[in-house]
Amino acid sequence: MNTKGILIVVSGFAGVGKGTLMKRLVQNYDNYALSVSMTTRAPRPGEENGRDYFFVTKEDFEKKIAEKGMIEHACYCGNYYGTPRFYVEEQIAAGKDVILEIEIQGAMKVKKQFPEAVLIYVLPPSAAELEARLRGRATETEEKIRERLSRAATESEGLEKYDYIIVNDDLDECEKKLHGILQAAHYTPLRNEEFIHTLREELKGFMKGER
C-alpha cells in the first residue's frame, strides 16, 4: 500500500478554532506536519526562519513564482505570502501528512495542482456560536466582528467544493474525528494506484497461466 504522505488543506471561518485543532493534531500524532509558509515580510520578535515562516526577499519570492516553486500565493498589505512546493513535496515523500491551513481561494488553487489533496472545512455548531467565539476573544472591534461574520457568510457559498466538513463543537471529539477522516483517506483507490496496478498485473498473469 501507499507509504507516501498526503496533502491536507484545512479552511474555516475566523474564530472557528482551526488553528488550535491543527496544533493539537501535530502534537498528538507523529504523522502530521504543518506546512511552513514563505513570506517577504520581516520576522517579528521570537519568530524563527524555517519554523514560523521561510523569510525571503521580494526578488527571491518572485523568482519562486516564475519557477513554479509556489503551490499558492497571495499579496497582503504589500507583502507576499505563500506555500513553497519544495517543503510540501519533501515532507510527503518522507511519509508525513502535510497540513495547509489556508482560505478557500488558496484551497481551490491547491486542488487544481494536487487533485488528490484532501480538502476539509471546519465549521462552528451554529452561527450564534461563531459570533460568541469571536466576541469571546475580546481582541476586535464591533466593526471587525461584523466584517468577519459577513465574510463567513460569503465563504459558506463554497463549502460544497470541499471533500469533508467537520463541526468543531467539542475540541477533543473534533480532533478524533478529523484524525479518523485523514487516516481513512490513505486507503482510497486514487491514493493507491500503484498498488492496484501491481495487483491487477499479477492477476492477469494468473489468467494467462504465467503463475
C-alpha atoms as a PDB file:
ATOM      1  CA  MET A   1       0.000   0.000   0.000  1.00  0.00           C
ATOM      2  CA  ASN A   2       0.976   3.647  -0.373  1.00  0.00           C
ATOM      3  CA  THR A   3       3.531   4.829   2.196  1.00  0.00           C
ATOM      4  CA  LYS A   4       3.718   8.425   0.985  1.00  0.00           C
ATOM      5  CA  GLY A   5       2.066  11.167   2.949  1.00  0.00           C
ATOM      6  CA  ILE A   6      -0.994  13.032   1.735  1.00  0.00           C
ATOM      7  CA  LEU A   7      -1.662  16.732   1.294  1.00  0.00           C
ATOM      8  CA  ILE A   8      -4.378  18.125   3.554  1.00  0.00           C
ATOM      9  CA  VAL A   9      -5.963  21.543   3.131  1.00  0.00           C
ATOM     10  CA  VAL A  10      -7.865  22.886   6.132  1.00  0.00           C
ATOM     11  CA  SER A  11     -10.027  26.001   5.923  1.00  0.00           C
ATOM     12  CA  GLY A  12     -12.555  27.535   8.265  1.00  0.00           C
ATOM     13  CA  PHE A  13     -14.225  30.732   9.350  1.00  0.00           C
ATOM     14  CA  ALA A  14     -12.216  33.123  11.510  1.00  0.00           C
ATOM     15  CA  GLY A  15     -12.794  32.204  15.148  1.00  0.00           C
ATOM     16  CA  VAL A  16     -13.831  28.605  14.499  1.00  0.00           C
ATOM     17  CA  GLY A  17     -10.717  27.209  16.203  1.00  0.00           C
ATOM     18  CA  LYS A  18      -8.991  25.583  13.232  1.00  0.00           C
ATOM     19  CA  GLY A  19      -5.522  26.776  14.318  1.00  0.00           C
ATOM     20  CA  THR A  20      -5.870  25.153  17.730  1.00  0.00           C
ATOM     21  CA  LEU A  21      -7.162  21.989  16.095  1.00  0.00           C
ATOM     22  CA  MET A  22      -4.177  21.765  13.726  1.00  0.00           C
ATOM     23  CA  LYS A  23      -1.653  22.298  16.531  1.00  0.00           C
ATOM     24  CA  ARG A  24      -3.256  19.514  18.549  1.00  0.00           C
ATOM     25  CA  LEU A  25      -3.057  17.093  15.621  1.00  0.00           C
ATOM     26  CA  VAL A  26       0.665  17.780  15.200  1.00  0.00           C
ATOM     27  CA  GLN A  27       1.307  17.473  18.939  1.00  0.00           C
ATOM     28  CA  ASN A  28      -0.683  14.280  19.471  1.00  0.00           C
ATOM     29  CA  TYR A  29       0.178  12.298  16.322  1.00  0.00           C
ATOM     30  CA  ASP A  30       3.563  11.658  14.726  1.00  0.00           C
ATOM     31  CA  ASN A  31       2.469  11.526  11.095  1.00  0.00           C
ATOM     32  CA  TYR A  32       1.384  15.166  10.649  1.00  0.00           C
ATOM     33  CA  ALA A  33       3.440  18.189   9.666  1.00  0.00           C
ATOM     34  CA  LEU A  34       2.196  21.757   9.416  1.00  0.00           C
ATOM     35  CA  SER A  35       3.254  23.429   6.193  1.00  0.00           C
ATOM     36  CA  VAL A  36       5.640  26.342   6.708  1.00  0.00           C
ATOM     37  CA  SER A  37       4.661  29.363   4.616  1.00  0.00           C
ATOM     38  CA  MET A  38       7.053  31.683   2.836  1.00  0.00           C
ATOM     39  CA  THR A  39       6.788  35.449   3.205  1.00  0.00           C
ATOM     40  CA  THR A  40       8.547  38.660   2.278  1.00  0.00           C
ATOM     41  CA  ARG A  41       7.625  40.459   5.499  1.00  0.00           C
ATOM     42  CA  ALA A  42      10.249  40.974   8.188  1.00  0.00           C
ATOM     43  CA  PRO A  43      10.419  38.486  11.089  1.00  0.00           C
ATOM     44  CA  ARG A  44       8.675  39.541  14.286  1.00  0.00           C
ATOM     45  CA  PRO A  45      10.352  39.163  17.696  1.00  0.00           C
ATOM     46  CA  GLY A  46      10.637  35.483  18.580  1.00  0.00           C
ATOM     47  CA  GLU A  47       9.951  34.201  15.058  1.00  0.00           C
ATOM     48  CA  GLU A  48      12.444  31.768  13.584  1.00  0.00           C
ATOM     49  CA  ASN A  49      13.248  31.176   9.918  1.00  0.00           C
ATOM     50  CA  GLY A  50      12.146  27.708   8.841  1.00  0.00           C
ATOM     51  CA  ARG A  51       9.906  27.242  11.866  1.00  0.00           C
ATOM     52  CA  ASP A  52       7.367  30.085  11.741  1.00  0.00           C
ATOM     53  CA  TYR A  53       7.988  31.141   8.125  1.00  0.00           C
ATOM     54  CA  PHE A  54      10.602  30.995   5.422  1.00  0.00           C
ATOM     55  CA  PHE A  55      11.624  34.658   5.309  1.00  0.00           C
ATOM     56  CA  VAL A  56      12.852  35.742   1.867  1.00  0.00           C
ATOM     57  CA  THR A  57      13.260  38.901  -0.190  1.00  0.00           C
ATOM     58  CA  LYS A  58      10.649  40.072  -2.674  1.00  0.00           C
ATOM     59  CA  GLU A  59      13.046  39.208  -5.509  1.00  0.00           C
ATOM     60  CA  ASP A  60      13.522  35.655  -4.230  1.00  0.00           C
ATOM     61  CA  PHE A  61       9.766  35.175  -3.814  1.00  0.00           C
ATOM     62  CA  GLU A  62       9.023  36.413  -7.325  1.00  0.00           C
ATOM     63  CA  LYS A  63      11.734  34.100  -8.654  1.00  0.00           C
ATOM     64  CA  LYS A  64       9.989  31.183  -6.931  1.00  0.00           C
ATOM     65  CA  ILE A  65       6.712  32.205  -8.569  1.00  0.00           C
ATOM     66  CA  ALA A  66       8.343  32.366 -12.008  1.00  0.00           C
ATOM     67  CA  GLU A  67       9.916  28.920 -11.489  1.00  0.00           C
ATOM     68  CA  LYS A  68       6.531  27.479 -10.374  1.00  0.00           C
ATOM     69  CA  GLY A  69       8.013  26.865  -6.962  1.00  0.00           C
ATOM     70  CA  MET A  70       4.911  28.058  -5.113  1.00  0.00           C
ATOM     71  CA  ILE A  71       1.802  25.922  -4.715  1.00  0.00           C
ATOM     72  CA  GLU A  72      -0.278  29.020  -3.979  1.00  0.00           C
ATOM     73  CA  HIS A  73       0.485  32.603  -3.067  1.00  0.00           C
ATOM     74  CA  ALA A  74      -1.129  35.955  -2.434  1.00  0.00           C
ATOM     75  CA  CYS A  75      -0.118  39.520  -1.647  1.00  0.00           C
ATOM     76  CA  TYR A  76      -1.393  41.192   1.522  1.00  0.00           C
ATOM     77  CA  CYS A  77      -0.522  44.731   2.588  1.00  0.00           C
ATOM     78  CA  GLY A  78       2.455  44.854   0.246  1.00  0.00           C
ATOM     79  CA  ASN A  79       3.971  41.512   1.278  1.00  0.00           C
ATOM     80  CA  TYR A  80       3.859  38.110  -0.396  1.00  0.00           C
ATOM     81  CA  TYR A  81       2.679  35.011   1.461  1.00  0.00           C
ATOM     82  CA  GLY A  82       2.554  31.527   0.007  1.00  0.00           C
ATOM     83  CA  THR A  83       3.183  27.792   0.232  1.00  0.00           C
ATOM     84  CA  PRO A  84       6.579  26.650  -1.100  1.00  0.00           C
ATOM     85  CA  ARG A  85       6.397  23.490  -3.174  1.00  0.00           C
ATOM     86  CA  PHE A  86       9.773  22.076  -2.075  1.00  0.00           C
ATOM     87  CA  TYR A  87       8.832  21.824   1.614  1.00  0.00           C
ATOM     88  CA  VAL A  88       5.466  20.166   0.978  1.00  0.00           C
ATOM     89  CA  GLU A  89       6.824  17.609  -1.501  1.00  0.00           C
ATOM     90  CA  GLU A  90       9.797  16.819   0.750  1.00  0.00           C
ATOM     91  CA  GLN A  91       7.527  16.087   3.731  1.00  0.00           C
ATOM     92  CA  ILE A  92       5.084  13.995   1.683  1.00  0.00           C
ATOM     93  CA  ALA A  93       7.932  11.908   0.252  1.00  0.00           C
ATOM     94  CA  ALA A  94       9.102  11.281   3.830  1.00  0.00           C
ATOM     95  CA  GLY A  95       5.675   9.848   4.686  1.00  0.00           C
ATOM     96  CA  LYS A  96       4.280  12.874   6.508  1.00  0.00           C
ATOM     97  CA  ASP A  97       0.718  14.095   6.032  1.00  0.00           C
ATOM     98  CA  VAL A  98       1.198  17.791   5.349  1.00  0.00           C
ATOM     99  CA  ILE A  99      -1.451  20.247   6.583  1.00  0.00           C
ATOM    100  CA  LEU A 100      -2.002  23.557   4.809  1.00  0.00           C
ATOM    101  CA  GLU A 101      -4.175  25.964   6.774  1.00  0.00           C
ATOM    102  CA  ILE A 102      -5.396  28.380   4.088  1.00  0.00           C
ATOM    103  CA  GLU A 103      -8.505  30.205   2.944  1.00  0.00           C
ATOM    104  CA  ILE A 104     -10.928  28.993   0.283  1.00  0.00           C
ATOM    105  CA  GLN A 105      -9.336  30.727  -2.742  1.00  0.00           C
ATOM    106  CA  GLY A 106      -5.954  29.209  -1.930  1.00  0.00           C
ATOM    107  CA  ALA A 107      -7.563  25.815  -1.343  1.00  0.00           C
ATOM    108  CA  MET A 108      -9.019  25.803  -4.857  1.00  0.00           C
ATOM    109  CA  LYS A 109      -5.582  26.626  -6.312  1.00  0.00           C
ATOM    110  CA  VAL A 110      -4.057  23.720  -4.414  1.00  0.00           C
ATOM    111  CA  LYS A 111      -6.781  21.334  -5.608  1.00  0.00           C
ATOM    112  CA  LYS A 112      -6.022  22.206  -9.242  1.00  0.00           C
ATOM    113  CA  GLN A 113      -2.367  21.283  -8.818  1.00  0.00           C
ATOM    114  CA  PHE A 114      -2.932  18.358  -6.442  1.00  0.00           C
ATOM    115  CA  PRO A 115      -6.270  16.679  -7.311  1.00  0.00           C
ATOM    116  CA  GLU A 116      -5.543  14.019  -4.694  1.00  0.00           C
ATOM    117  CA  ALA A 117      -5.368  16.583  -1.865  1.00  0.00           C
ATOM    118  CA  VAL A 118      -7.961  16.225   0.924  1.00  0.00           C
ATOM    119  CA  LEU A 119      -9.952  19.428   1.485  1.00  0.00           C
ATOM    120  CA  ILE A 120     -11.616  19.876   4.878  1.00  0.00           C
ATOM    121  CA  TYR A 121     -13.672  22.805   6.117  1.00  0.00           C
ATOM    122  CA  VAL A 122     -14.029  23.362   9.865  1.00  0.00           C
ATOM    123  CA  LEU A 123     -17.405  24.764  10.915  1.00  0.00           C
ATOM    124  CA  PRO A 124     -18.946  26.051  14.147  1.00  0.00           C
ATOM    125  CA  PRO A 125     -22.035  24.286  15.532  1.00  0.00           C
ATOM    126  CA  SER A 126     -24.084  27.399  14.717  1.00  0.00           C
ATOM    127  CA  ALA A 127     -23.783  30.988  13.528  1.00  0.00           C
ATOM    128  CA  ALA A 128     -24.628  32.189  17.040  1.00  0.00           C
ATOM    129  CA  GLU A 129     -21.758  30.152  18.486  1.00  0.00           C
ATOM    130  CA  LEU A 130     -19.352  31.595  15.910  1.00  0.00           C
ATOM    131  CA  GLU A 131     -20.368  35.110  16.928  1.00  0.00           C
ATOM    132  CA  ALA A 132     -19.933  34.211  20.603  1.00  0.00           C
ATOM    133  CA  ARG A 133     -16.420  32.888  19.970  1.00  0.00           C
ATOM    134  CA  LEU A 134     -15.419  35.998  18.064  1.00  0.00           C
ATOM    135  CA  ARG A 135     -16.703  38.199  20.872  1.00  0.00           C
ATOM    136  CA  GLY A 136     -15.106  35.947  23.478  1.00  0.00           C
ATOM    137  CA  ARG A 137     -11.646  36.659  22.101  1.00  0.00           C
ATOM    138  CA  ALA A 138     -12.132  40.310  23.139  1.00  0.00           C
ATOM    139  CA  THR A 139      -9.464  41.404  20.678  1.00  0.00           C
ATOM    140  CA  GLU A 140     -11.527  43.007  17.924  1.00  0.00           C
ATOM    141  CA  THR A 141     -13.859  45.924  17.414  1.00  0.00           C
ATOM    142  CA  GLU A 142     -17.567  45.574  16.707  1.00  0.00           C
ATOM    143  CA  GLU A 143     -16.881  46.584  13.112  1.00  0.00           C
ATOM    144  CA  LYS A 144     -14.238  43.856  12.723  1.00  0.00           C
ATOM    145  CA  ILE A 145     -16.531  41.213  14.212  1.00  0.00           C
ATOM    146  CA  ARG A 146     -19.291  42.173  11.758  1.00  0.00           C
ATOM    147  CA  GLU A 147     -16.771  42.058   8.920  1.00  0.00           C
ATOM    148  CA  ARG A 148     -15.676  38.547   9.879  1.00  0.00           C
ATOM    149  CA  LEU A 149     -19.277  37.325  10.130  1.00  0.00           C
ATOM    150  CA  SER A 150     -20.048  38.835   6.734  1.00  0.00           C
ATOM    151  CA  ARG A 151     -17.020  37.107   5.224  1.00  0.00           C
ATOM    152  CA  ALA A 152     -18.119  33.812   6.784  1.00  0.00           C
ATOM    153  CA  ALA A 153     -21.487  34.160   5.053  1.00  0.00           C
ATOM    154  CA  THR A 154     -19.725  34.672   1.715  1.00  0.00           C
ATOM    155  CA  GLU A 155     -17.300  31.762   2.251  1.00  0.00           C
ATOM    156  CA  SER A 156     -20.177  29.424   3.145  1.00  0.00           C
ATOM    157  CA  GLU A 157     -21.224  29.540  -0.519  1.00  0.00           C
ATOM    158  CA  GLY A 158     -18.141  27.471  -1.433  1.00  0.00           C
ATOM    159  CA  LEU A 159     -18.446  24.674   1.118  1.00  0.00           C
ATOM    160  CA  GLU A 160     -19.659  22.107  -1.420  1.00  0.00           C
ATOM    161  CA  LYS A 161     -16.257  22.236  -3.113  1.00  0.00           C
ATOM    162  CA  TYR A 162     -14.634  20.582  -0.092  1.00  0.00           C
ATOM    163  CA  ASP A 163     -14.310  16.831   0.449  1.00  0.00           C
ATOM    164  CA  TYR A 164     -15.398  16.933   4.091  1.00  0.00           C
ATOM    165  CA  ILE A 165     -16.880  19.301   6.628  1.00  0.00           C
ATOM    166  CA  ILE A 166     -16.318  18.856  10.340  1.00  0.00           C
ATOM    167  CA  VAL A 167     -18.056  20.698  13.187  1.00  0.00           C
ATOM    168  CA  ASN A 168     -15.812  21.969  15.962  1.00  0.00           C
ATOM    169  CA  ASP A 169     -18.215  21.705  18.893  1.00  0.00           C
ATOM    170  CA  ASP A 170     -16.147  19.681  21.368  1.00  0.00           C
ATOM    171  CA  LEU A 171     -12.411  20.084  20.635  1.00  0.00           C
ATOM    172  CA  ASP A 172     -11.399  16.574  21.759  1.00  0.00           C
ATOM    173  CA  GLU A 173     -14.132  14.899  19.713  1.00  0.00           C
ATOM    174  CA  CYS A 174     -13.439  17.077  16.694  1.00  0.00           C
ATOM    175  CA  GLU A 175      -9.746  16.164  16.812  1.00  0.00           C
ATOM    176  CA  LYS A 176     -10.548  12.435  16.932  1.00  0.00           C
ATOM    177  CA  LYS A 177     -12.996  12.682  14.038  1.00  0.00           C
ATOM    178  CA  LEU A 178     -10.561  14.673  11.933  1.00  0.00           C
ATOM    179  CA  HIS A 179      -7.755  12.186  12.570  1.00  0.00           C
ATOM    180  CA  GLY A 180     -10.099   9.342  11.610  1.00  0.00           C
ATOM    181  CA  ILE A 181     -11.052  11.022   8.333  1.00  0.00           C
ATOM    182  CA  LEU A 182      -7.424  11.617   7.417  1.00  0.00           C
ATOM    183  CA  GLN A 183      -6.372   8.066   8.238  1.00  0.00           C
ATOM    184  CA  ALA A 184      -9.195   6.681   6.093  1.00  0.00           C
ATOM    185  CA  ALA A 185      -8.109   8.935   3.217  1.00  0.00           C
ATOM    186  CA  HIS A 186      -4.923   6.875   2.857  1.00  0.00           C
ATOM    187  CA  TYR A 187      -6.970   3.900   1.659  1.00  0.00           C
ATOM    188  CA  THR A 188      -8.838   5.419  -1.282  1.00  0.00           C
ATOM    189  CA  PRO A 189      -8.133   3.880  -4.719  1.00  0.00           C
ATOM    190  CA  LEU A 190      -6.840   7.239  -6.002  1.00  0.00           C
ATOM    191  CA  ARG A 191      -4.029   7.207  -3.421  1.00  0.00           C
ATOM    192  CA  ASN A 192      -3.113   3.568  -4.063  1.00  0.00           C
ATOM    193  CA  GLU A 193      -2.981   3.437  -7.843  1.00  0.00           C
ATOM    194  CA  GLU A 194       0.476   1.836  -7.909  1.00  0.00           C
ATOM    195  CA  PHE A 195      -0.603  -0.991  -5.575  1.00  0.00           C
ATOM    196  CA  ILE A 196      -3.802  -1.558  -7.576  1.00  0.00           C
ATOM    197  CA  HIS A 197      -1.855  -1.622 -10.862  1.00  0.00           C
ATOM    198  CA  THR A 198       0.657  -4.155  -9.499  1.00  0.00           C
ATOM    199  CA  LEU A 199      -2.105  -6.394  -8.139  1.00  0.00           C
ATOM    200  CA  ARG A 200      -4.043  -6.169 -11.409  1.00  0.00           C
ATOM    201  CA  GLU A 201      -0.993  -7.200 -13.451  1.00  0.00           C
ATOM    202  CA  GLU A 202      -0.324 -10.126 -11.119  1.00  0.00           C
ATOM    203  CA  LEU A 203      -3.918 -11.304 -11.516  1.00  0.00           C
ATOM    204  CA  LYS A 204      -3.638 -11.056 -15.294  1.00  0.00           C
ATOM    205  CA  GLY A 205      -0.576 -13.256 -15.009  1.00  0.00           C
ATOM    206  CA  PHE A 206      -2.678 -15.966 -13.384  1.00  0.00           C
ATOM    207  CA  MET A 207      -5.249 -15.674 -16.176  1.00  0.00           C
ATOM    208  CA  LYS A 208      -2.514 -16.220 -18.773  1.00  0.00           C
ATOM    209  CA  GLY A 209      -1.110 -19.189 -16.871  1.00  0.00           C
ATOM    210  CA  GLU A 210       2.094 -17.374 -16.075  1.00  0.00           C
ATOM    211  CA  ARG A 211       1.788 -18.098 -12.359  1.00  0.00           C
END
